[in-house]
Protein backbone atom coordinates (compact mmCIF):
# COMPACT_ATOMS: atom_id res chain seq x y z
CA MET A 1 -70.73 218.33 47.42
CA SER A 2 -69.32 216.66 50.55
CA ILE A 3 -67.02 218.45 52.98
CA LYS A 4 -64.21 216.03 52.10
CA ARG A 5 -64.57 216.65 48.35
CA SER A 6 -64.75 220.41 48.93
CA ALA A 7 -61.55 220.25 50.95
CA VAL A 8 -59.81 218.36 48.14
CA HIS A 9 -60.92 220.91 45.55
CA THR A 10 -59.83 223.77 47.80
CA LEU A 11 -56.41 222.23 48.36
CA SER A 12 -56.02 221.62 44.63
CA LEU A 13 -56.86 225.23 43.79
CA LEU A 14 -54.53 226.44 46.54
CA ALA A 15 -51.69 224.29 45.19
CA ALA A 16 -52.32 225.59 41.66
CA ALA A 17 -52.33 229.18 42.94
CA ILE A 18 -49.06 228.65 44.81
CA PHE A 19 -47.51 227.04 41.74
CA GLY A 20 -48.64 229.98 39.59
CA VAL A 21 -47.19 232.50 42.06
CA VAL A 22 -43.87 230.60 42.11
CA LEU A 23 -43.76 230.66 38.30
CA LEU A 24 -44.55 234.36 38.23
CA LEU A 25 -41.93 235.27 40.85
CA GLY A 26 -39.37 233.10 39.10
CA ALA A 27 -40.12 234.79 35.80
CA ILE A 28 -39.78 238.26 37.34
CA ARG A 29 -36.48 237.41 39.04
CA THR A 30 -34.97 235.89 35.88
CA ASP A 31 -36.28 238.57 33.50
CA ILE A 32 -38.53 236.17 31.60
CA GLY A 33 -40.81 237.88 29.12
CA LEU A 34 -44.56 238.14 29.59
CA ILE A 35 -45.12 236.14 26.40
CA GLN A 36 -43.38 233.07 27.84
CA MET A 37 -45.21 233.51 31.13
CA ALA A 38 -48.51 233.78 29.29
CA ALA A 39 -47.65 230.64 27.33
CA VAL A 40 -47.11 228.70 30.57
CA LEU A 41 -50.39 229.87 32.05
CA ALA A 42 -52.23 229.20 28.77
CA VAL A 43 -50.92 225.64 28.64
CA LEU A 44 -51.97 225.05 32.26
CA ALA A 45 -55.42 226.57 31.64
CA ILE A 46 -56.00 224.48 28.50
CA GLY A 47 -54.85 221.36 30.32
CA LEU A 48 -57.23 221.96 33.23
CA PHE A 49 -60.09 222.64 30.80
CA VAL A 50 -59.43 219.42 28.86
CA LEU A 51 -59.26 217.38 32.07
CA THR A 52 -62.50 218.93 33.33
CA LEU A 53 -64.25 218.26 30.02
CA ALA A 54 -62.96 214.67 29.82
CA THR A 55 -64.39 213.77 33.24
CA ALA A 56 -67.88 214.19 31.79
CA PHE A 57 -67.33 211.44 29.19
CA THR A 58 -65.24 208.77 30.89
CA THR A 59 -64.44 207.22 34.26
CA LYS A 60 -61.81 208.83 36.44
CA GLU A 61 -59.56 205.76 36.30
CA ARG A 62 -59.63 205.70 32.49
CA LEU A 63 -58.94 209.41 32.43
CA PHE A 64 -55.96 209.00 34.73
CA MET A 65 -54.57 206.10 32.69
CA ALA A 66 -54.95 208.22 29.54
CA VAL A 67 -52.83 210.90 31.21
CA ILE A 68 -50.26 208.23 32.16
CA TYR A 69 -50.06 206.87 28.61
CA ILE A 70 -49.74 210.37 27.11
CA LEU A 71 -47.07 211.14 29.71
CA ILE A 72 -45.12 208.04 28.69
CA ALA A 73 -45.34 208.97 25.00
CA CYS A 74 -44.19 212.55 25.69
CA THR A 75 -41.06 211.39 27.52
CA PHE A 76 -39.69 210.27 24.15
CA LEU A 77 -39.99 213.80 22.75
CA ASN A 78 -37.62 215.33 25.31
CA ASN A 79 -37.67 219.11 24.92
CA ALA A 80 -37.38 219.03 21.13
CA PHE A 81 -40.78 220.44 20.15
CA PHE A 82 -42.05 222.40 23.13
CA ALA A 83 -39.98 224.05 25.83
CA ILE A 84 -40.48 227.13 27.96
CA HIS A 85 -37.27 228.28 29.62
CA LEU A 86 -37.81 230.06 32.90
CA GLY A 87 -34.17 230.61 33.78
CA PHE A 88 -34.04 228.50 36.92
CA PHE A 89 -35.74 225.55 35.18
CA SER A 90 -37.48 224.60 31.95
CA LEU A 91 -40.99 223.35 31.32
CA PHE A 92 -41.88 220.99 28.50
CA LEU A 93 -44.61 218.44 27.82
CA TYR A 94 -43.08 215.65 29.89
CA ARG A 95 -42.73 217.81 32.99
CA LEU A 96 -46.13 219.45 32.62
CA LEU A 97 -47.83 216.06 32.28
CA LEU A 98 -45.82 214.65 35.18
CA ILE A 99 -47.07 217.54 37.33
CA ALA A 100 -50.63 216.88 36.13
CA ALA A 101 -50.34 213.14 36.85
CA GLY A 102 -48.85 213.89 40.27
CA CYS A 103 -51.72 216.24 41.15
CA LEU A 104 -54.32 213.68 40.02
CA HIS A 105 -52.56 210.99 42.05
CA VAL A 106 -52.52 213.15 45.18
CA ILE A 107 -56.22 213.97 44.73
CA GLY A 108 -56.95 210.26 44.33
CA VAL A 109 -54.97 209.45 47.48
CA VAL A 110 -56.94 212.01 49.48
CA ARG A 111 -60.36 211.01 48.12
CA ASN A 112 -60.22 207.22 48.44
CA ARG A 113 -58.20 204.33 49.82
CA THR A 114 -57.57 202.34 46.65
CA HIS A 115 -53.92 203.48 46.68
CA ILE A 116 -53.41 201.48 49.89
CA GLU A 117 -54.71 198.34 48.15
CA ARG A 118 -52.45 199.07 45.17
CA TRP A 119 -49.42 199.50 47.43
CA ASN A 120 -50.19 196.38 49.44
CA GLY A 121 -50.46 194.40 46.20
CA LEU A 122 -47.03 195.46 44.98
CA GLN A 123 -44.38 192.75 44.78
CA VAL A 124 -41.50 195.21 44.26
CA LYS A 125 -41.72 197.39 47.37
CA GLY A 126 -38.06 196.79 48.18
CA ILE A 127 -36.97 198.21 44.83
CA LEU A 128 -39.11 201.32 45.25
CA LEU A 129 -37.77 201.79 48.77
CA PHE A 130 -34.22 201.61 47.44
CA PHE A 131 -34.96 204.45 45.01
CA ALA A 132 -36.49 206.44 47.90
CA PHE A 133 -33.37 205.80 49.98
CA TRP A 134 -31.20 206.86 47.01
CA PHE A 135 -33.00 210.22 46.87
CA ILE A 136 -32.80 210.73 50.66
CA TYR A 137 -29.08 209.92 50.59
CA GLY A 138 -28.71 212.49 47.80
CA LEU A 139 -30.38 215.12 50.00
CA VAL A 140 -28.02 214.27 52.88
CA SER A 141 -25.01 214.43 50.54
CA LEU A 142 -25.70 218.13 49.99
CA LEU A 143 -24.19 218.65 53.45
CA TRP A 144 -20.71 217.98 52.06
CA ALA A 145 -21.29 218.95 48.41
CA LYS A 146 -19.23 221.89 47.15
CA SER A 147 -21.97 223.04 44.77
CA VAL A 148 -25.40 222.88 46.37
CA THR A 149 -26.94 224.42 43.25
CA ALA A 150 -25.64 221.61 41.04
CA GLY A 151 -26.83 219.11 43.64
CA ILE A 152 -30.36 220.50 43.74
CA LYS A 153 -30.62 220.47 39.94
CA TYR A 154 -29.42 216.86 39.82
CA LEU A 155 -31.78 215.80 42.60
CA ALA A 156 -34.68 217.43 40.76
CA LEU A 157 -34.00 215.14 37.77
CA LEU A 158 -33.61 212.17 40.10
CA ALA A 159 -36.86 212.98 41.91
CA MET A 160 -38.80 213.26 38.65
CA GLY A 161 -37.39 209.93 37.45
CA ILE A 162 -38.15 208.13 40.72
CA PHE A 163 -41.65 209.58 40.92
CA PHE A 164 -42.27 208.51 37.33
CA ILE A 165 -41.21 204.94 38.21
CA TYR A 166 -43.52 205.01 41.24
CA LEU A 167 -46.51 206.14 39.15
CA ILE A 168 -45.99 203.51 36.46
CA VAL A 169 -45.47 200.66 38.92
CA MET A 170 -48.49 201.70 40.98
CA TYR A 171 -50.91 201.93 38.06
CA VAL A 172 -49.54 199.41 35.53
CA GLN A 173 -50.28 196.22 37.42
CA LYS A 174 -51.98 194.20 34.67
CA MET A 175 -50.55 192.57 31.59
CA GLU A 176 -52.93 194.50 29.35
CA ARG A 177 -51.60 197.84 30.59
CA LEU A 178 -48.04 196.57 30.47
CA MET A 179 -48.47 195.68 26.79
CA ILE A 180 -49.85 199.17 26.10
CA VAL A 181 -46.71 200.73 27.60
CA TYR A 182 -44.56 198.32 25.57
CA THR A 183 -46.48 199.26 22.42
CA ILE A 184 -46.08 202.98 23.12
CA TRP A 185 -42.29 202.43 23.21
CA LEU A 186 -42.36 200.60 19.86
CA VAL A 187 -44.54 203.22 18.17
CA MET A 188 -42.60 206.22 19.49
CA THR A 189 -39.34 204.60 18.38
CA VAL A 190 -40.66 204.60 14.80
CA PHE A 191 -41.31 208.34 15.07
CA LEU A 192 -37.82 208.99 16.46
CA MET A 193 -36.16 206.83 13.78
CA ILE A 194 -37.96 208.79 11.04
CA ILE A 195 -36.39 211.97 12.44
CA GLY A 196 -33.05 210.16 12.69
CA PHE A 197 -33.12 209.18 9.01
CA TYR A 198 -34.08 212.77 8.15
CA ASN A 199 -30.99 213.98 10.07
CA HIS A 200 -28.79 211.42 8.38
CA MET A 201 -29.91 212.11 4.83
CA THR A 202 -30.49 215.87 4.86
CA HIS A 203 -27.88 216.93 7.46
CA HIS A 204 -30.58 218.99 9.18
CA HIS A 205 -31.09 218.73 12.94
CA LEU A 206 -33.59 219.94 15.52
CA PRO A 207 -32.59 222.96 17.62
CA SER A 208 -32.33 220.71 20.69
CA SER A 209 -29.38 218.86 19.12
CA THR A 210 -25.76 219.91 19.61
CA LEU A 211 -25.31 219.39 15.86
CA TYR A 212 -27.95 222.00 15.00
CA SER A 213 -25.17 224.53 14.49
CA GLY A 214 -22.29 222.05 14.77
CA PRO A 215 -19.36 221.42 12.43
CA GLU A 216 -20.14 220.27 8.91
CA TYR A 217 -18.20 217.00 9.16
CA LYS A 218 -20.55 215.79 11.95
CA GLN A 219 -23.84 216.69 10.29
CA HIS A 220 -24.42 213.15 8.95
CA TYR A 221 -24.76 211.77 12.50
CA PRO A 222 -28.44 211.16 13.38
CA THR A 223 -29.52 212.69 16.69
CA SER A 224 -33.35 212.71 16.38
CA VAL A 225 -34.81 214.49 19.44
CA PHE A 226 -31.72 213.86 21.59
CA PHE A 227 -28.84 216.05 22.66
CA ASN A 228 -26.28 214.11 20.61
CA GLN A 229 -25.85 210.93 18.60
CA ASN A 230 -24.60 208.87 21.56
CA ASP A 231 -27.86 209.41 23.46
CA PHE A 232 -29.83 208.33 20.38
CA ALA A 233 -27.70 205.23 19.90
CA THR A 234 -28.18 204.19 23.53
CA PHE A 235 -31.93 204.51 23.13
CA LEU A 236 -31.85 202.41 19.94
CA SER A 237 -29.75 199.71 21.64
CA ILE A 238 -32.84 199.06 23.81
CA SER A 239 -35.43 199.38 21.04
CA PHE A 240 -33.52 196.99 18.77
CA PHE A 241 -34.22 194.05 21.09
CA PHE A 242 -37.84 195.04 21.57
CA TYR A 243 -38.31 194.67 17.81
CA ILE A 244 -36.31 191.42 17.62
CA THR A 245 -38.41 189.78 20.34
CA LEU A 246 -41.53 191.04 18.55
CA VAL A 247 -40.41 189.13 15.44
CA LYS A 248 -39.86 185.93 17.45
CA ASN A 249 -43.02 185.92 19.55
CA ILE A 250 -45.76 187.43 17.37
CA LYS A 251 -47.56 185.00 15.06
CA ASN A 252 -48.90 187.56 12.57
CA GLY A 253 -46.67 187.50 9.48
CA TYR A 254 -47.18 191.17 8.63
CA ILE A 255 -46.16 192.28 12.13
CA LYS A 256 -43.13 189.96 11.96
CA ALA A 257 -42.02 191.58 8.71
CA ILE A 258 -42.55 195.08 10.10
CA GLY A 259 -40.65 194.19 13.28
CA LEU A 260 -37.73 192.78 11.28
CA LEU A 261 -37.60 195.88 9.08
CA LEU A 262 -37.68 198.22 12.09
CA SER A 263 -34.96 196.25 13.89
CA LEU A 264 -32.72 196.59 10.82
CA CYS A 265 -33.48 200.31 10.69
CA ALA A 266 -32.48 200.66 14.35
CA LEU A 267 -29.27 198.72 13.75
CA TYR A 268 -28.41 200.86 10.71
CA LEU A 269 -28.94 204.08 12.67
CA ILE A 270 -26.70 202.79 15.48
CA PHE A 271 -23.96 202.23 12.91
CA ALA A 272 -24.65 205.71 11.51
CA THR A 273 -24.12 207.29 14.95
CA GLY A 274 -20.67 205.72 15.21
CA SER A 275 -21.34 204.73 18.83
CA ARG A 276 -19.00 201.82 19.58
CA ALA A 277 -20.43 201.34 23.07
CA SER A 278 -23.94 200.85 21.66
CA LEU A 279 -22.64 198.32 19.15
CA LEU A 280 -20.96 196.48 22.02
CA GLY A 281 -24.29 196.61 23.83
CA ILE A 282 -26.02 195.04 20.81
CA PHE A 283 -23.36 192.31 20.74
CA ALA A 284 -23.73 191.62 24.48
CA GLY A 285 -27.53 191.56 24.29
CA ALA A 286 -27.44 189.25 21.26
CA ALA A 287 -25.08 186.85 23.07
CA VAL A 288 -27.44 186.73 26.08
CA TYR A 289 -30.45 186.28 23.78
CA ILE A 290 -28.83 183.30 22.07
CA PHE A 291 -28.06 181.83 25.49
CA ILE A 292 -31.57 182.15 26.95
CA VAL A 293 -33.29 180.57 23.93
CA LEU A 294 -30.95 177.55 23.91
CA PRO A 295 -32.23 174.23 25.27
CA PRO A 296 -31.09 173.47 28.87
CA VAL A 297 -28.58 170.86 27.71
CA LEU A 298 -26.88 173.28 25.32
CA LYS A 299 -26.82 176.09 27.91
CA LYS A 300 -24.28 174.25 30.06
CA MET A 301 -22.14 173.61 27.00
CA ALA A 302 -22.43 177.28 26.01
CA ILE A 303 -21.25 178.39 29.47
CA TRP A 304 -18.20 176.11 29.29
CA LEU A 305 -17.36 177.17 25.74
CA SER A 306 -17.75 180.86 26.61
CA GLY A 307 -15.52 180.47 29.66
CA ALA A 308 -12.91 178.64 27.60
CA GLY A 309 -13.07 181.26 24.84
CA ILE A 310 -12.63 184.14 27.28
CA THR A 311 -9.70 182.37 28.94
CA ILE A 312 -7.97 181.68 25.62
CA PHE A 313 -8.54 185.28 24.50
CA ALA A 314 -7.13 186.62 27.78
CA VAL A 315 -4.01 184.42 27.49
CA LEU A 316 -3.35 185.23 23.84
CA PHE A 317 -3.81 188.98 24.19
CA ALA A 318 -2.72 189.47 27.81
CA GLY A 319 0.32 191.51 26.82
CA ARG A 320 -1.60 193.83 24.51
CA ILE A 321 -4.43 194.27 27.03
CA TYR A 322 -2.00 195.10 29.83
CA SER A 323 -0.03 197.57 27.72
CA LYS A 324 -3.22 199.37 26.70
CA PHE A 325 -4.42 199.46 30.31
CA TRP A 326 -1.02 200.81 31.40
CA GLU A 327 -1.07 203.45 28.69
CA LEU A 328 -4.55 204.71 29.59
CA PHE A 329 -4.70 204.36 33.37
CA LEU A 330 -1.25 203.80 34.93
CA ALA A 331 1.34 205.62 32.83
CA PRO A 332 2.24 209.23 33.78
CA GLN A 333 0.20 211.78 31.88
CA THR A 334 2.04 213.24 28.91
CA LEU A 335 1.70 216.87 27.91
CA HIS A 336 -0.07 217.71 24.68
CA SER A 337 -0.68 220.88 22.76
CA PHE A 338 -3.82 222.66 23.91
CA HIS A 339 -4.50 223.47 20.26
CA ASP A 340 -5.06 219.75 19.64
CA MET A 341 -7.91 217.64 20.95
CA LEU A 342 -7.11 214.68 23.17
CA PRO A 343 -7.75 211.30 21.56
CA SER A 344 -11.23 210.08 22.52
CA ASN A 345 -10.01 207.02 24.45
CA VAL A 346 -7.45 209.09 26.38
CA ALA A 347 -10.05 211.72 27.30
CA ARG A 348 -12.47 209.05 28.52
CA ALA A 349 -9.72 207.33 30.53
CA ASN A 350 -8.85 210.66 32.16
CA LEU A 351 -12.51 211.21 33.03
CA LEU A 352 -12.59 207.83 34.77
CA LYS A 353 -9.30 208.50 36.59
CA ASN A 354 -10.57 211.84 37.84
CA ALA A 355 -13.86 210.30 38.98
CA TRP A 356 -11.99 207.51 40.79
CA HIS A 357 -9.78 210.05 42.54
CA PHE A 358 -12.85 212.06 43.64
CA PHE A 359 -14.47 208.87 44.93
CA LEU A 360 -11.41 207.91 47.00
CA ASP A 361 -11.02 211.46 48.27
CA SER A 362 -14.61 211.32 49.59
CA TYR A 363 -13.82 208.15 51.57
CA GLY A 364 -16.27 206.20 49.44
CA PHE A 365 -19.31 208.36 50.24
CA GLY A 366 -19.29 210.29 46.95
CA VAL A 367 -18.72 214.00 46.32
CA GLY A 368 -22.43 214.78 46.60
CA ALA A 369 -25.39 214.65 44.25
CA GLY A 370 -24.53 216.14 40.86
CA ASN A 371 -21.13 217.39 42.03
CA VAL A 372 -18.86 215.20 39.94
CA SER A 373 -19.36 217.64 37.05
CA TYR A 374 -18.40 220.54 39.33
CA TYR A 375 -15.26 218.69 40.42
CA LEU A 376 -14.31 217.86 36.83
CA GLU A 377 -14.65 221.53 35.94
CA HIS A 378 -12.78 222.99 38.93
CA HIS A 379 -10.65 220.23 40.52
CA ALA A 380 -9.64 217.81 37.74
CA LEU A 381 -6.20 216.23 38.12
CA TYR A 382 -6.08 214.89 34.57
CA ASP A 383 -6.77 216.81 31.39
CA THR A 384 -10.22 216.17 29.89
CA ASP A 385 -10.34 218.90 27.22
CA ASN A 386 -12.89 220.80 29.34
CA VAL A 387 -15.35 217.87 29.32
CA THR A 388 -17.26 217.93 32.60
CA GLU A 389 -19.40 214.78 32.35
CA VAL A 390 -18.10 211.33 33.29
CA HIS A 391 -19.55 209.49 30.23
CA ASN A 392 -20.11 206.36 32.31
CA TRP A 393 -23.39 205.85 34.18
CA LEU A 394 -22.14 203.49 36.89
CA VAL A 395 -19.04 205.60 37.55
CA GLU A 396 -21.25 208.69 37.66
CA ILE A 397 -23.35 207.07 40.40
CA LEU A 398 -20.20 205.96 42.23
CA ALA A 399 -18.57 209.40 42.17
CA ASN A 400 -21.74 211.30 43.07
CA PHE A 401 -23.35 209.00 45.65
CA GLY A 402 -20.63 206.63 46.79
CA LEU A 403 -20.10 202.90 46.92
CA PHE A 404 -23.27 201.80 48.72
CA ILE A 405 -25.67 203.47 46.29
CA MET A 406 -23.76 202.16 43.26
CA LEU A 407 -23.72 198.61 44.65
CA GLY A 408 -27.42 198.96 45.48
CA TYR A 409 -28.20 200.04 41.92
CA LEU A 410 -26.22 197.09 40.54
CA ALA A 411 -27.95 194.71 42.96
CA VAL A 412 -31.39 195.95 41.84
CA TYR A 413 -30.32 195.68 38.20
CA ALA A 414 -29.00 192.13 38.62
CA TYR A 415 -32.12 191.14 40.60
CA LEU A 416 -34.41 192.37 37.82
CA ILE A 417 -32.51 190.35 35.21
CA TRP A 418 -32.51 187.26 37.45
CA VAL A 419 -36.24 187.40 38.22
CA LEU A 420 -37.14 187.92 34.55
CA TYR A 421 -34.92 184.99 33.59
CA LYS A 422 -36.46 182.69 36.22
CA PHE A 423 -39.91 183.54 34.88
CA TYR A 424 -38.69 182.95 31.33
CA GLU A 425 -37.72 179.39 32.27
CA ARG A 426 -41.37 178.66 33.02
CA LYS A 427 -43.95 177.93 30.36
CA LEU A 428 -45.25 181.40 29.49
CA GLY A 429 -47.68 182.72 26.93
CA ASN A 430 -46.44 184.68 23.92
CA GLN A 431 -47.09 188.06 25.56
CA SER A 432 -45.12 187.15 28.68
CA LYS A 433 -42.29 185.68 26.60
CA LEU A 434 -42.23 188.83 24.47
CA ILE A 435 -41.90 190.96 27.61
CA THR A 436 -39.29 188.83 29.40
CA GLU A 437 -37.06 188.23 26.37
CA GLY A 438 -37.16 191.86 25.31
CA LEU A 439 -36.43 193.24 28.77
CA ILE A 440 -33.63 190.80 29.66
CA THR A 441 -31.69 191.48 26.46
CA ALA A 442 -32.39 195.23 26.61
CA LEU A 443 -31.15 195.38 30.22
CA VAL A 444 -27.86 193.76 29.21
CA SER A 445 -27.53 195.99 26.15
CA PHE A 446 -28.22 199.17 28.10
CA LEU A 447 -25.75 198.26 30.85
CA VAL A 448 -22.98 198.18 28.23
CA SER A 449 -24.14 201.08 26.06
CA SER A 450 -24.66 203.38 29.08
CA ILE A 451 -20.93 204.22 28.93
CA SER A 452 -21.65 206.18 25.75
CA PRO A 453 -23.88 209.14 26.83
CA SER A 454 -22.33 212.02 28.74
CA SER A 455 -24.91 211.47 31.51
CA VAL A 456 -27.90 209.15 31.86
CA SER A 457 -29.67 211.05 34.64
CA ASN A 458 -31.25 213.47 32.14
CA LEU A 459 -32.24 210.78 29.60
CA PHE A 460 -35.96 210.41 30.22
CA PHE A 461 -36.25 207.12 28.32
CA HIS A 462 -33.94 205.57 30.94
CA TRP A 463 -36.58 206.14 33.60
CA VAL A 464 -39.32 204.85 31.27
CA PHE A 465 -37.24 201.73 30.68
CA LEU A 466 -36.62 201.10 34.38
CA ALA A 467 -40.31 201.71 35.12
CA LEU A 468 -41.29 199.21 32.42
CA VAL A 469 -38.90 196.56 33.77
CA ILE A 470 -39.97 196.99 37.41
CA ALA A 471 -43.65 197.01 36.44
CA ALA A 472 -43.12 193.82 34.42
CA VAL A 473 -41.48 192.07 37.38
CA ASN A 474 -44.36 193.18 39.58
CA VAL A 475 -46.99 191.93 37.09
CA LEU A 476 -45.25 188.57 36.65
CA ARG A 477 -44.83 188.04 40.39
CA ARG A 478 -48.47 188.97 41.01
CA SER A 479 -49.48 186.42 38.37
CA ARG A 480 -48.45 183.62 40.73
CA GLN A 481 -51.00 184.82 43.28
CA MET A 482 -53.71 186.27 40.97
CA PRO A 483 -53.67 184.41 37.62
CA GLU A 484 -57.19 185.46 36.65
CA PRO A 485 -57.10 189.31 36.69
CA LEU A 486 -53.64 189.44 35.12
CA TYR A 487 -54.90 189.92 31.56
CA ARG A 488 -57.99 191.97 32.35
């Protein structure tokens, strides 16, 4: 064994030992039982044994990609089936596999220089650098954050999401691998919808759901592996368009029929959740889908007709729109009995008003990573019925990180849609059309439906979705320079 390889192995063992000591000390300080601690160590030992055994039967690159694909699949399970709570944080399959993938990546970086070639070949470096800047800004924002603990917890989620995006973009640089990731999403959605139908029909929920011991009148809402029905609906608002584009672009009749059936199942479950924002997302995505498949001549006509329709609607209902806006955002707050719940639209409007006030009070720099929840709990000006999450992803970014990060996120989002659309206008194969159509419409749908979940930062599928979109843009842009290896 070479000195370099020995050094890598030594560093890996040292890192594992340090990680084990940290887990043990954390368990002791938080009074975690020995059984849970033993479970953590057993999982790590089994994982190391499996990885060691697998290296004898396959190449290291295939082994690493297998870990990546399993990691992607496990993100859809959340913490529903396996979770070890250690007080200061929780471990479940997604996080354990992310740690494993990170360790393998670091070992690969130390042992060879292929990562430099991968990085140099990336066509989306600017996007990855924005996410890195976002995280660094979040670290700096802890200087003025009122709750550093809340900030660190939030940044931990952000770091895991950004690192996940980095891994996927670095190692999914061929159309073949991109289609595998896309397929994993489609297959895992079927599994989650089966659980959703089980929730809906039997009124039984997984322990990870808020409805597990919730009120009887809410038991019919499907939640699957998610925290609540709004999170599930937001996920389905993405998957719906993946199935629709599958129907349009796959020639096999059986797969078309299956895709159509699954898209209808997703749509039914969205209705069953009662999520109006996700339904609006479906409507917005469908409108964009109709637009992009129109011939160029009809697209100009569609733009003019849409503009005219919006103008007529605004003129006809201007009074009603203004009165509703005044009632929710401008009128003085009226007192209500604390025995009664605030109407949903009033509570959400108050959340937005509070967040806007916090944003202005921070001079546009944000209250600090993860601190908008702390402010809503301790410094809210408007009554929110003790709700401490903004329930609006863009406003959450604005209040936590300020104007520049929110505008940067929107700029990246708009750029991804634009690049995918420009590629769609070219003559593409069925696989590329499937990818571009599905991602464009899903991006539009998610942008609208993201006002439904309490917070998006802890929705793991959001990071999978962004990673898939950025990887697709990278693959398509590389195809202009390297058309041959694209499908290998």
